[in-house]
Amino acid sequence: MDCPKCNGAMQEHTATTLQGAVTIDRCTDCGGMWFDNGEAEKLKDDWMSDFLDSGDRSVGKAQNLNTEINCPRCNKQMDTAQDPDH
C-alpha cells in the first residue's frame, strides 16, 4: 500500500495493547500513519499511541494541507475528519 498523502511506501507495525494486537501502517517517507476501522480507537487510551506516532510534526502539518486524498485501499476520495480529542 502507498501513503495516501505522499505516495511513499507503507510499512506494517504491530502493537500489543490491553485490547489485543493492533497492526497499523506507517509511511516510510513522511511518517504518516494509516488506521483501518477501529484501530485508532484501540490505541487512543493506551501509552503505545505516543510511541507509535514518531513522525516529524512539521512534516505532518505540511501534509495536513493536502485535503484531497484518495483511500489507498479502494481509491475513493476520503472525507476530511478531525480527531475531537486533538
Protein backbone atom coordinates (compact mmCIF):
# COMPACT_ATOMS: atom_id res chain seq x y z
CA MET A 1 0.00 0.00 0.00
CA ASP A 2 1.23 3.53 -0.77
CA CYS A 3 0.81 6.52 1.54
CA PRO A 4 -2.39 8.40 0.64
CA LYS A 5 -0.65 11.76 1.21
CA CYS A 6 2.91 11.50 -0.16
CA ASN A 7 2.76 8.18 -2.07
CA GLY A 8 5.65 6.73 -0.05
CA ALA A 9 5.75 3.05 0.86
CA MET A 10 3.74 1.99 3.90
CA GLN A 11 5.22 -0.47 6.40
CA GLU A 12 3.16 -2.51 8.87
CA HIS A 13 3.79 -2.20 12.61
CA THR A 14 2.02 -4.32 15.22
CA ALA A 15 1.50 -3.12 18.78
CA THR A 16 0.23 -5.30 21.59
CA THR A 17 -2.26 -3.46 23.80
CA LEU A 18 -4.57 -4.42 26.65
CA GLN A 19 -7.29 -4.72 24.00
CA GLY A 20 -5.23 -7.05 21.79
CA ALA A 21 -2.82 -6.66 18.90
CA VAL A 22 -3.26 -3.71 16.54
CA THR A 23 -1.48 -3.54 13.19
CA ILE A 24 -1.09 -0.09 11.69
CA ASP A 25 0.60 1.11 8.53
CA ARG A 26 3.26 3.84 8.75
CA CYS A 27 4.74 5.71 5.80
CA THR A 28 8.49 5.23 5.46
CA ASP A 29 8.80 8.73 3.90
CA CYS A 30 6.55 11.19 5.75
CA GLY A 31 5.89 9.11 8.89
CA GLY A 32 2.13 9.34 8.49
CA MET A 33 0.00 6.52 9.88
CA TRP A 34 -2.96 4.70 8.37
CA PHE A 35 -5.55 3.16 10.66
CA ASP A 36 -8.18 0.72 9.46
CA ASN A 37 -11.62 0.95 11.12
CA GLY A 38 -11.39 0.74 14.90
CA GLU A 39 -7.59 0.67 15.14
CA ALA A 40 -7.14 4.28 16.27
CA GLU A 41 -9.75 3.85 18.99
CA LYS A 42 -7.92 0.81 20.38
CA LEU A 43 -4.73 2.86 20.74
CA LYS A 44 -6.23 6.15 21.91
CA ASP A 45 -6.16 5.48 25.65
CA ASP A 46 -3.02 3.35 25.56
CA TRP A 47 0.51 4.62 26.19
CA MET A 48 1.58 2.97 22.90
CA SER A 49 -0.13 5.65 20.80
CA ASP A 50 2.55 8.22 21.66
CA PHE A 51 5.30 5.68 20.99
CA LEU A 52 3.89 4.75 17.58
CA ASP A 53 3.42 8.36 16.44
CA SER A 54 7.09 9.09 15.89
CA GLY A 55 6.73 11.26 12.78
CA ASP A 56 8.07 14.80 12.45
CA ARG A 57 5.30 17.25 13.47
CA SER A 58 6.32 19.84 10.85
CA VAL A 59 6.07 17.24 8.07
CA GLY A 60 2.67 16.14 9.42
CA LYS A 61 1.39 19.71 9.49
CA ALA A 62 2.57 20.28 5.91
CA GLN A 63 0.89 17.04 4.76
CA ASN A 64 -2.35 18.08 6.51
CA LEU A 65 -2.71 20.89 3.97
CA ASN A 66 -3.39 18.17 1.37
CA THR A 67 -7.15 17.65 1.75
CA GLU A 68 -7.95 15.83 -1.50
CA ILE A 69 -6.82 12.34 -0.56
CA ASN A 70 -7.88 9.03 -2.06
CA CYS A 71 -8.18 5.91 0.05
CA PRO A 72 -5.14 3.69 -0.50
CA ARG A 73 -7.38 0.60 -0.36
CA CYS A 74 -10.32 1.49 -2.66
CA ASN A 75 -9.06 4.72 -4.32
CA LYS A 76 -12.26 6.68 -3.49
CA GLN A 77 -11.87 10.25 -2.25
CA MET A 78 -11.90 10.35 1.54
CA ASP A 79 -13.75 12.84 3.73
CA THR A 80 -11.69 15.16 5.91
CA ALA A 81 -12.12 14.45 9.63
CA GLN A 82 -10.57 15.72 12.82
CA ASP A 83 -9.94 13.73 15.97
CA PRO A 84 -12.08 15.56 18.55
CA ASP A 85 -9.51 14.77 21.24
CA HIS A 86 -6.71 16.62 19.43
